[in-house]
């Protein structure tokens, strides 16, 4: 965070469940090792707020930078369910909000619980309006429209990272970039596509047979859907300058939830009730 701030960044974005990490083991066959690793994952998840988030808030305040970071959030009541959460922290060191992934993808459902729409909203900052979604939520359409309807100007697309996919849907990075660029064009906003980083040397030896690389691929995309920075591969900081003039120009052409919508034909609503486990 400090290095990004020193380079002039006003907002720093990290990938999906950057802390404590993506549960890659969920894609493997269930076994004694699988369940033991799942138990470890729950043990390393944390509540919001907690001493861990206090440290993140302190780091953001010290750097003087807004932060959006993916975390594994522990359910405060059961202490046994984990959510894939995107945490928004202000440069003042305060939690702005959090968004829990609405529907984990495929095997992720064995590890993460379903989120709710309490945090599915745009956060107003002094310099812009910020939103974010986790990974394949960008393929769901309606969560993105909810954010577009609130006029998002900078959107964080938090991905688990580029590299080899454990599913038949290869190549994964090309699809992530495609969805990120499409969101930027549809919303008329900048998109920071932040990928996770995990290499074989980052994982315990006992889990190597379950492991697949995530190389941290990341991009910054302008409101027309064009890539203006990236790819960022590995542990690096990607920087780009943005302009609200470019955002307004893009929205002047197509404001998806404004003048480019048909409310006389379509109806849209969001249930912002809390998850049943809260």
C-alpha atoms as a PDB file:
ATOM      1  CA  UNK A   1       0.000   0.000   0.000  1.00  0.00           C
ATOM      2  CA  UNK A   2       2.786   2.401   0.908  1.00  0.00           C
ATOM      3  CA  UNK A   3       4.616   1.767  -2.363  1.00  0.00           C
ATOM      4  CA  UNK A   4       1.439   2.255  -4.405  1.00  0.00           C
ATOM      5  CA  UNK A   5       0.705   5.512  -2.569  1.00  0.00           C
ATOM      6  CA  UNK A   6       4.274   6.710  -3.081  1.00  0.00           C
ATOM      7  CA  UNK A   7       3.781   6.129  -6.819  1.00  0.00           C
ATOM      8  CA  UNK A   8       0.773   8.441  -6.748  1.00  0.00           C
ATOM      9  CA  UNK A   9      -2.100   5.964  -6.547  1.00  0.00           C
ATOM     10  CA  UNK A  10      -5.334   7.078  -4.870  1.00  0.00           C
ATOM     11  CA  UNK A  11      -6.796   3.563  -4.698  1.00  0.00           C
ATOM     12  CA  UNK A  12      -5.176   0.125  -4.411  1.00  0.00           C
ATOM     13  CA  UNK A  13      -6.944  -3.086  -5.445  1.00  0.00           C
ATOM     14  CA  UNK A  14      -6.137  -6.702  -4.577  1.00  0.00           C
ATOM     15  CA  UNK A  15      -7.505  -9.970  -5.954  1.00  0.00           C
ATOM     16  CA  UNK A  16     -10.226 -12.327  -4.768  1.00  0.00           C
ATOM     17  CA  UNK A  17      -9.668 -13.626  -1.203  1.00  0.00           C
ATOM     18  CA  UNK A  18      -6.154 -12.189  -1.230  1.00  0.00           C
ATOM     19  CA  UNK A  19      -6.210 -12.832   2.503  1.00  0.00           C
ATOM     20  CA  UNK A  20      -5.719 -15.589   3.550  1.00  0.00           C
ATOM     21  CA  UNK A  21      -5.790 -16.916  -0.028  1.00  0.00           C
ATOM     22  CA  UNK A  22      -7.906 -18.665  -2.637  1.00  0.00           C
ATOM     23  CA  UNK A  23      -9.148 -22.166  -1.604  1.00  0.00           C
ATOM     24  CA  UNK A  24      -7.682 -23.955  -4.621  1.00  0.00           C
ATOM     25  CA  UNK A  25      -8.059 -27.330  -2.903  1.00  0.00           C
ATOM     26  CA  UNK A  26     -11.847 -27.166  -3.393  1.00  0.00           C
ATOM     27  CA  UNK A  27     -11.378 -28.301  -6.995  1.00  0.00           C
ATOM     28  CA  UNK A  28      -9.793 -31.595  -5.886  1.00  0.00           C
ATOM     29  CA  UNK A  29     -11.412 -34.871  -4.868  1.00  0.00           C
ATOM     30  CA  UNK A  30     -12.658 -34.851  -1.277  1.00  0.00           C
ATOM     31  CA  UNK A  31     -10.463 -36.847   1.073  1.00  0.00           C
ATOM     32  CA  UNK A  32      -9.078 -36.707   4.604  1.00  0.00           C
ATOM     33  CA  UNK A  33      -6.498 -34.195   3.342  1.00  0.00           C
ATOM     34  CA  UNK A  34      -9.256 -32.148   1.686  1.00  0.00           C
ATOM     35  CA  UNK A  35     -11.314 -31.866   4.866  1.00  0.00           C
ATOM     36  CA  UNK A  36      -8.229 -31.113   6.959  1.00  0.00           C
ATOM     37  CA  UNK A  37      -7.300 -28.313   4.576  1.00  0.00           C
ATOM     38  CA  UNK A  38     -10.867 -26.987   4.627  1.00  0.00           C
ATOM     39  CA  UNK A  39     -10.697 -26.882   8.430  1.00  0.00           C
ATOM     40  CA  UNK A  40      -7.424 -24.936   8.207  1.00  0.00           C
ATOM     41  CA  UNK A  41      -9.066 -22.512   5.789  1.00  0.00           C
ATOM     42  CA  UNK A  42     -11.883 -21.800   8.232  1.00  0.00           C
ATOM     43  CA  UNK A  43      -9.312 -21.317  11.001  1.00  0.00           C
ATOM     44  CA  UNK A  44      -7.522 -18.684   8.916  1.00  0.00           C
ATOM     45  CA  UNK A  45     -10.653 -16.768   7.892  1.00  0.00           C
ATOM     46  CA  UNK A  46     -11.523 -13.721  10.000  1.00  0.00           C
ATOM     47  CA  UNK A  47     -14.478 -11.635  11.053  1.00  0.00           C
ATOM     48  CA  UNK A  48     -15.200  -8.072   9.968  1.00  0.00           C
ATOM     49  CA  UNK A  49     -14.281  -6.113  12.023  1.00  0.00           C
ATOM     50  CA  UNK A  50     -11.444  -7.969  13.761  1.00  0.00           C
ATOM     51  CA  UNK A  51      -7.784  -7.450  14.713  1.00  0.00           C
ATOM     52  CA  UNK A  52      -6.881  -8.433  11.148  1.00  0.00           C
ATOM     53  CA  UNK A  53      -9.082  -5.765   9.587  1.00  0.00           C
ATOM     54  CA  UNK A  54      -7.779  -3.287  12.172  1.00  0.00           C
ATOM     55  CA  UNK A  55      -4.285  -3.897  10.751  1.00  0.00           C
ATOM     56  CA  UNK A  56      -5.528  -3.404   7.190  1.00  0.00           C
ATOM     57  CA  UNK A  57      -7.249  -0.168   8.180  1.00  0.00           C
ATOM     58  CA  UNK A  58      -4.099   1.065   9.916  1.00  0.00           C
ATOM     59  CA  UNK A  59      -2.014   0.293   6.814  1.00  0.00           C
ATOM     60  CA  UNK A  60      -4.459   2.153   4.555  1.00  0.00           C
ATOM     61  CA  UNK A  61      -4.421   5.160   6.890  1.00  0.00           C
ATOM     62  CA  UNK A  62      -0.632   5.162   7.104  1.00  0.00           C
ATOM     63  CA  UNK A  63      -0.360   5.089   3.311  1.00  0.00           C
ATOM     64  CA  UNK A  64      -3.218   7.572   2.838  1.00  0.00           C
ATOM     65  CA  UNK A  65      -4.829   5.423   0.165  1.00  0.00           C
ATOM     66  CA  UNK A  66      -8.225   3.810  -0.391  1.00  0.00           C
ATOM     67  CA  UNK A  67      -8.026   0.011  -0.479  1.00  0.00           C
ATOM     68  CA  UNK A  68     -10.255  -2.697  -1.948  1.00  0.00           C
ATOM     69  CA  UNK A  69      -9.108  -6.193  -0.997  1.00  0.00           C
ATOM     70  CA  UNK A  70     -10.552  -9.672  -1.233  1.00  0.00           C
ATOM     71  CA  UNK A  71     -10.771 -11.545   2.075  1.00  0.00           C
ATOM     72  CA  UNK A  72     -12.181 -14.794   3.458  1.00  0.00           C
ATOM     73  CA  UNK A  73     -14.763 -13.561   5.945  1.00  0.00           C
ATOM     74  CA  UNK A  74     -15.741 -15.784   8.875  1.00  0.00           C
ATOM     75  CA  UNK A  75     -19.408 -15.890   9.845  1.00  0.00           C
ATOM     76  CA  UNK A  76     -19.570 -14.208  13.238  1.00  0.00           C
ATOM     77  CA  UNK A  77     -22.398 -16.410  14.523  1.00  0.00           C
ATOM     78  CA  UNK A  78     -21.533 -19.944  13.472  1.00  0.00           C
ATOM     79  CA  UNK A  79     -17.733 -19.479  13.270  1.00  0.00           C
ATOM     80  CA  UNK A  80     -17.836 -22.242  10.658  1.00  0.00           C
ATOM     81  CA  UNK A  81     -19.034 -20.636   7.416  1.00  0.00           C
ATOM     82  CA  UNK A  82     -16.741 -18.557   5.215  1.00  0.00           C
ATOM     83  CA  UNK A  83     -17.729 -15.919   2.666  1.00  0.00           C
ATOM     84  CA  UNK A  84     -15.764 -14.637  -0.313  1.00  0.00           C
ATOM     85  CA  UNK A  85     -15.813 -10.946   0.569  1.00  0.00           C
ATOM     86  CA  UNK A  86     -14.555  -7.773  -1.053  1.00  0.00           C
ATOM     87  CA  UNK A  87     -13.608  -5.289   1.680  1.00  0.00           C
ATOM     88  CA  UNK A  88     -13.610  -1.519   1.064  1.00  0.00           C
ATOM     89  CA  UNK A  89     -11.339   0.593   3.305  1.00  0.00           C
ATOM     90  CA  UNK A  90     -10.944   4.372   3.218  1.00  0.00           C
ATOM     91  CA  UNK A  91      -7.701   6.335   3.282  1.00  0.00           C
ATOM     92  CA  UNK A  92      -8.853   7.508   6.717  1.00  0.00           C
ATOM     93  CA  UNK A  93      -8.530   3.935   7.946  1.00  0.00           C
ATOM     94  CA  UNK A  94     -12.245   3.182   8.200  1.00  0.00           C
ATOM     95  CA  UNK A  95     -14.255   0.300   6.751  1.00  0.00           C
ATOM     96  CA  UNK A  96     -16.510   1.710   4.043  1.00  0.00           C
ATOM     97  CA  UNK A  97     -18.332  -1.550   3.432  1.00  0.00           C
ATOM     98  CA  UNK A  98     -18.040  -5.120   2.245  1.00  0.00           C
ATOM     99  CA  UNK A  99     -19.593  -7.183  -0.503  1.00  0.00           C
ATOM    100  CA  UNK A 100     -19.998 -10.955  -0.102  1.00  0.00           C
ATOM    101  CA  UNK A 101     -19.894 -13.006  -3.298  1.00  0.00           C
ATOM    102  CA  UNK A 102     -23.518 -13.766  -4.109  1.00  0.00           C
ATOM    103  CA  UNK A 103     -22.987 -17.217  -5.575  1.00  0.00           C
ATOM    104  CA  UNK A 104     -19.656 -19.063  -5.366  1.00  0.00           C
ATOM    105  CA  UNK A 105     -18.751 -20.781  -8.623  1.00  0.00           C
ATOM    106  CA  UNK A 106     -18.954 -24.558  -9.029  1.00  0.00           C
ATOM    107  CA  UNK A 107     -16.638 -26.307  -6.519  1.00  0.00           C
ATOM    108  CA  UNK A 108     -16.226 -23.056  -4.557  1.00  0.00           C
ATOM    109  CA  UNK A 109     -19.686 -23.780  -3.111  1.00  0.00           C
ATOM    110  CA  UNK A 110     -18.133 -26.492  -0.935  1.00  0.00           C
ATOM    111  CA  UNK A 111     -16.052 -23.807   0.810  1.00  0.00           C
ATOM    112  CA  UNK A 112     -17.873 -20.459   0.602  1.00  0.00           C
ATOM    113  CA  UNK A 113     -21.419 -19.639   1.649  1.00  0.00           C
ATOM    114  CA  UNK A 114     -23.824 -17.570  -0.432  1.00  0.00           C
ATOM    115  CA  UNK A 115     -23.551 -13.837   0.179  1.00  0.00           C
ATOM    116  CA  UNK A 116     -26.258 -11.186   0.329  1.00  0.00           C
ATOM    117  CA  UNK A 117     -26.815  -7.778  -1.261  1.00  0.00           C
ATOM    118  CA  UNK A 118     -26.245  -5.640   1.830  1.00  0.00           C
ATOM    119  CA  UNK A 119     -22.936  -4.447   0.424  1.00  0.00           C
ATOM    120  CA  UNK A 120     -23.868  -4.527  -3.249  1.00  0.00           C
ATOM    121  CA  UNK A 121     -23.518  -0.784  -3.674  1.00  0.00           C
ATOM    122  CA  UNK A 122     -21.312   2.043  -4.878  1.00  0.00           C
ATOM    123  CA  UNK A 123     -19.126   3.892  -2.371  1.00  0.00           C
ATOM    124  CA  UNK A 124     -18.874   7.663  -2.771  1.00  0.00           C
ATOM    125  CA  UNK A 125     -15.366   9.000  -2.344  1.00  0.00           C
ATOM    126  CA  UNK A 126     -14.138  12.588  -2.698  1.00  0.00           C
ATOM    127  CA  UNK A 127     -12.622  11.858  -6.099  1.00  0.00           C
ATOM    128  CA  UNK A 128     -14.974   9.232  -7.564  1.00  0.00           C
ATOM    129  CA  UNK A 129     -17.608   6.537  -7.016  1.00  0.00           C
ATOM    130  CA  UNK A 130     -16.156   3.061  -6.358  1.00  0.00           C
ATOM    131  CA  UNK A 131     -17.679  -0.402  -6.716  1.00  0.00           C
ATOM    132  CA  UNK A 132     -16.500  -3.987  -6.877  1.00  0.00           C
ATOM    133  CA  UNK A 133     -17.459  -7.586  -7.611  1.00  0.00           C
ATOM    134  CA  UNK A 134     -15.787 -10.939  -7.046  1.00  0.00           C
ATOM    135  CA  UNK A 135     -14.613 -12.988 -10.023  1.00  0.00           C
ATOM    136  CA  UNK A 136     -17.463 -14.718 -11.896  1.00  0.00           C
ATOM    137  CA  UNK A 137     -20.074 -12.385 -10.453  1.00  0.00           C
ATOM    138  CA  UNK A 138     -19.162 -10.476 -13.612  1.00  0.00           C
ATOM    139  CA  UNK A 139     -20.822 -13.289 -15.558  1.00  0.00           C
ATOM    140  CA  UNK A 140     -24.109 -12.953 -13.614  1.00  0.00           C
ATOM    141  CA  UNK A 141     -25.192  -9.656 -15.328  1.00  0.00           C
ATOM    142  CA  UNK A 142     -27.627  -8.377 -12.686  1.00  0.00           C
ATOM    143  CA  UNK A 143     -25.093  -7.635  -9.890  1.00  0.00           C
ATOM    144  CA  UNK A 144     -23.189  -5.486 -12.366  1.00  0.00           C
ATOM    145  CA  UNK A 145     -26.353  -3.697 -13.417  1.00  0.00           C
ATOM    146  CA  UNK A 146     -27.094  -2.913  -9.760  1.00  0.00           C
ATOM    147  CA  UNK A 147     -23.769  -1.090  -9.553  1.00  0.00           C
ATOM    148  CA  UNK A 148     -24.217   0.620 -12.905  1.00  0.00           C
ATOM    149  CA  UNK A 149     -27.590   1.906 -11.707  1.00  0.00           C
ATOM    150  CA  UNK A 150     -25.745   3.724  -8.885  1.00  0.00           C
ATOM    151  CA  UNK A 151     -23.334   5.355 -11.326  1.00  0.00           C
ATOM    152  CA  UNK A 152     -20.075   3.541 -10.603  1.00  0.00           C
ATOM    153  CA  UNK A 153     -16.992   5.333 -11.988  1.00  0.00           C
ATOM    154  CA  UNK A 154     -14.160   3.051 -10.840  1.00  0.00           C
ATOM    155  CA  UNK A 155     -14.917  -0.648 -10.531  1.00  0.00           C
ATOM    156  CA  UNK A 156     -12.721  -3.315  -8.951  1.00  0.00           C
ATOM    157  CA  UNK A 157     -12.935  -6.690 -10.662  1.00  0.00           C
ATOM    158  CA  UNK A 158     -11.317  -9.030  -8.132  1.00  0.00           C
ATOM    159  CA  UNK A 159     -10.204 -12.265  -9.788  1.00  0.00           C
ATOM    160  CA  UNK A 160      -8.547 -15.359  -8.353  1.00  0.00           C
ATOM    161  CA  UNK A 161      -5.768 -14.728 -10.869  1.00  0.00           C
ATOM    162  CA  UNK A 162      -4.551 -15.727 -14.298  1.00  0.00           C
ATOM    163  CA  UNK A 163      -2.884 -18.986 -15.168  1.00  0.00           C
ATOM    164  CA  UNK A 164      -3.962 -22.569 -15.712  1.00  0.00           C
ATOM    165  CA  UNK A 165      -7.574 -23.333 -14.817  1.00  0.00           C
ATOM    166  CA  UNK A 166      -8.631 -26.545 -13.022  1.00  0.00           C
ATOM    167  CA  UNK A 167     -11.818 -26.611 -15.119  1.00  0.00           C
ATOM    168  CA  UNK A 168     -12.455 -27.205 -18.837  1.00  0.00           C
ATOM    169  CA  UNK A 169     -13.076 -23.466 -19.248  1.00  0.00           C
ATOM    170  CA  UNK A 170      -9.607 -22.571 -20.490  1.00  0.00           C
ATOM    171  CA  UNK A 171      -7.957 -20.187 -21.057  1.00  0.00           C
ATOM    172  CA  UNK A 172      -9.196 -18.513 -17.882  1.00  0.00           C
ATOM    173  CA  UNK A 173      -7.344 -15.196 -18.165  1.00  0.00           C
ATOM    174  CA  UNK A 174      -8.762 -14.407 -21.583  1.00  0.00           C
ATOM    175  CA  UNK A 175     -12.298 -14.784 -20.216  1.00  0.00           C
ATOM    176  CA  UNK A 176     -11.519 -12.674 -17.167  1.00  0.00           C
ATOM    177  CA  UNK A 177     -10.155  -9.908 -19.362  1.00  0.00           C
ATOM    178  CA  UNK A 178     -13.137 -10.191 -21.702  1.00  0.00           C
ATOM    179  CA  UNK A 179     -15.630  -9.768 -18.842  1.00  0.00           C
ATOM    180  CA  UNK A 180     -13.615  -6.919 -17.303  1.00  0.00           C
ATOM    181  CA  UNK A 181     -13.503  -5.035 -20.590  1.00  0.00           C
ATOM    182  CA  UNK A 182     -17.197  -5.647 -21.191  1.00  0.00           C
ATOM    183  CA  UNK A 183     -18.049  -4.258 -17.744  1.00  0.00           C
ATOM    184  CA  UNK A 184     -15.985  -1.128 -18.396  1.00  0.00           C
ATOM    185  CA  UNK A 185     -17.755  -0.528 -21.696  1.00  0.00           C
ATOM    186  CA  UNK A 186     -21.253  -1.253 -20.381  1.00  0.00           C
ATOM    187  CA  UNK A 187     -20.829   0.804 -17.202  1.00  0.00           C
ATOM    188  CA  UNK A 188     -18.788   3.590 -18.791  1.00  0.00           C
ATOM    189  CA  UNK A 189     -16.242   3.333 -15.980  1.00  0.00           C
ATOM    190  CA  UNK A 190     -12.643   2.443 -15.297  1.00  0.00           C
ATOM    191  CA  UNK A 191     -12.067  -1.172 -14.278  1.00  0.00           C
ATOM    192  CA  UNK A 192      -9.142  -2.388 -12.217  1.00  0.00           C
ATOM    193  CA  UNK A 193      -8.931  -6.123 -12.924  1.00  0.00           C
ATOM    194  CA  UNK A 194      -6.910  -7.392  -9.951  1.00  0.00           C
ATOM    195  CA  UNK A 195      -5.756 -11.000 -10.102  1.00  0.00           C
ATOM    196  CA  UNK A 196      -4.607 -13.262  -7.292  1.00  0.00           C
ATOM    197  CA  UNK A 197      -1.061 -14.585  -7.062  1.00  0.00           C
ATOM    198  CA  UNK A 198      -0.258 -18.112  -5.985  1.00  0.00           C
ATOM    199  CA  UNK A 199       2.629 -20.251  -7.173  1.00  0.00           C
ATOM    200  CA  UNK A 200       3.624 -23.760  -6.172  1.00  0.00           C
ATOM    201  CA  UNK A 201       6.267 -22.468  -3.786  1.00  0.00           C
ATOM    202  CA  UNK A 202       3.568 -20.554  -1.922  1.00  0.00           C
ATOM    203  CA  UNK A 203       1.740 -23.729  -0.880  1.00  0.00           C
ATOM    204  CA  UNK A 204       2.641 -26.495   1.609  1.00  0.00           C
ATOM    205  CA  UNK A 205       4.243 -29.548   0.008  1.00  0.00           C
ATOM    206  CA  UNK A 206       1.387 -31.809   1.124  1.00  0.00           C
ATOM    207  CA  UNK A 207      -0.963 -29.802  -1.110  1.00  0.00           C
ATOM    208  CA  UNK A 208       1.148 -29.772  -4.266  1.00  0.00           C
ATOM    209  CA  UNK A 209      -1.000 -32.441  -5.944  1.00  0.00           C
ATOM    210  CA  UNK A 210      -4.019 -30.144  -5.537  1.00  0.00           C
ATOM    211  CA  UNK A 211      -2.188 -27.018  -6.646  1.00  0.00           C
ATOM    212  CA  UNK A 212      -2.555 -24.982  -9.838  1.00  0.00           C
ATOM    213  CA  UNK A 213      -0.720 -21.719 -10.483  1.00  0.00           C
ATOM    214  CA  UNK A 214      -2.284 -18.270 -10.376  1.00  0.00           C
ATOM    215  CA  UNK A 215       0.137 -15.764 -11.834  1.00  0.00           C
ATOM    216  CA  UNK A 216      -1.475 -12.529 -10.654  1.00  0.00           C
ATOM    217  CA  UNK A 217      -2.430 -11.214 -14.077  1.00  0.00           C
ATOM    218  CA  UNK A 218      -3.932  -7.753 -13.795  1.00  0.00           C
ATOM    219  CA  UNK A 219      -5.113  -4.941 -16.067  1.00  0.00           C
ATOM    220  CA  UNK A 220      -6.510  -1.419 -15.918  1.00  0.00           C
ATOM    221  CA  UNK A 221      -9.223  -0.674 -18.461  1.00  0.00           C
ATOM    222  CA  UNK A 222     -10.703   2.666 -19.549  1.00  0.00           C
ATOM    223  CA  UNK A 223     -14.427   3.504 -19.876  1.00  0.00           C
ATOM    224  CA  UNK A 224     -14.482   2.489 -23.534  1.00  0.00           C
ATOM    225  CA  UNK A 225     -13.253  -1.009 -22.701  1.00  0.00           C
ATOM    226  CA  UNK A 226      -9.673  -0.442 -23.876  1.00  0.00           C
ATOM    227  CA  UNK A 227      -6.725  -1.748 -21.843  1.00  0.00           C
ATOM    228  CA  UNK A 228      -4.536   1.165 -20.709  1.00  0.00           C
ATOM    229  CA  UNK A 229      -2.172  -0.751 -18.391  1.00  0.00           C
ATOM    230  CA  UNK A 230      -1.111  -4.345 -18.095  1.00  0.00           C
ATOM    231  CA  UNK A 231      -0.794  -7.187 -18.053  1.00  0.00           C
ATOM    232  CA  UNK A 232       0.838  -7.195 -14.640  1.00  0.00           C
ATOM    233  CA  UNK A 233       2.232 -10.674 -14.031  1.00  0.00           C
ATOM    234  CA  UNK A 234       3.639 -11.699 -10.682  1.00  0.00           C
ATOM    235  CA  UNK A 235       4.121  -9.518  -7.630  1.00  0.00           C
ATOM    236  CA  UNK A 236       4.078  -6.008  -9.053  1.00  0.00           C
ATOM    237  CA  UNK A 237       2.211  -2.700  -8.880  1.00  0.00           C
ATOM    238  CA  UNK A 238       0.255  -1.564 -11.928  1.00  0.00           C
ATOM    239  CA  UNK A 239      -0.441   2.176 -12.193  1.00  0.00           C
ATOM    240  CA  UNK A 240      -2.626   4.188 -14.571  1.00  0.00           C
ATOM    241  CA  UNK A 241      -4.134   7.670 -14.607  1.00  0.00           C
ATOM    242  CA  UNK A 242      -7.856   8.198 -15.011  1.00  0.00           C
ATOM    243  CA  UNK A 243     -10.132  11.133 -15.759  1.00  0.00           C
ATOM    244  CA  UNK A 244     -13.746  11.732 -14.817  1.00  0.00           C
ATOM    245  CA  UNK A 245     -14.083  13.534 -18.148  1.00  0.00           C
ATOM    246  CA  UNK A 246     -13.536  10.181 -19.863  1.00  0.00           C
ATOM    247  CA  UNK A 247     -16.142   8.564 -17.606  1.00  0.00           C
ATOM    248  CA  UNK A 248     -18.703  11.257 -18.360  1.00  0.00           C
ATOM    249  CA  UNK A 249     -18.013  11.058 -22.085  1.00  0.00           C
ATOM    250  CA  UNK A 250     -18.588   7.294 -22.057  1.00  0.00           C
ATOM    251  CA  UNK A 251     -21.793   7.613 -20.033  1.00  0.00           C
ATOM    252  CA  UNK A 252     -22.987  10.394 -22.338  1.00  0.00           C
ATOM    253  CA  UNK A 253     -23.025   7.824 -25.110  1.00  0.00           C
ATOM    254  CA  UNK A 254     -24.633   4.961 -23.153  1.00  0.00           C
ATOM    255  CA  UNK A 255     -25.763   5.329 -19.554  1.00  0.00           C
ATOM    256  CA  UNK A 256     -26.988   1.746 -19.091  1.00  0.00           C
ATOM    257  CA  UNK A 257     -29.255   2.527 -16.142  1.00  0.00           C
ATOM    258  CA  UNK A 258     -30.169   6.063 -17.257  1.00  0.00           C
ATOM    259  CA  UNK A 259     -30.975   7.418 -20.706  1.00  0.00           C
ATOM    260  CA  UNK A 260     -29.920   4.146 -22.333  1.00  0.00           C
ATOM    261  CA  UNK A 261     -32.455   2.085 -20.383  1.00  0.00           C
ATOM    262  CA  UNK A 262     -36.146   1.305 -20.904  1.00  0.00           C
ATOM    263  CA  UNK A 263     -37.852   1.447 -17.488  1.00  0.00           C
ATOM    264  CA  UNK A 264     -41.209   1.339 -19.254  1.00  0.00           C
ATOM    265  CA  UNK A 265     -40.360  -2.203 -20.388  1.00  0.00           C
ATOM    266  CA  UNK A 266     -38.027  -3.575 -17.706  1.00  0.00           C
ATOM    267  CA  UNK A 267     -38.252  -3.595 -13.902  1.00  0.00           C
ATOM    268  CA  UNK A 268     -35.231  -4.050 -11.655  1.00  0.00           C
ATOM    269  CA  UNK A 269     -34.988  -4.356  -7.872  1.00  0.00           C
ATOM    270  CA  UNK A 270     -32.463  -5.561  -5.298  1.00  0.00           C
ATOM    271  CA  UNK A 271     -33.343  -7.335  -2.041  1.00  0.00           C
ATOM    272  CA  UNK A 272     -30.931  -5.755   0.433  1.00  0.00           C
ATOM    273  CA  UNK A 273     -32.017  -7.941   3.328  1.00  0.00           C
ATOM    274  CA  UNK A 274     -29.352  -9.628   5.411  1.00  0.00           C
ATOM    275  CA  UNK A 275     -28.200 -13.202   4.863  1.00  0.00           C
ATOM    276  CA  UNK A 276     -30.119 -15.684   7.013  1.00  0.00           C
ATOM    277  CA  UNK A 277     -26.939 -16.499   8.933  1.00  0.00           C
ATOM    278  CA  UNK A 278     -26.411 -12.882  10.067  1.00  0.00           C
END
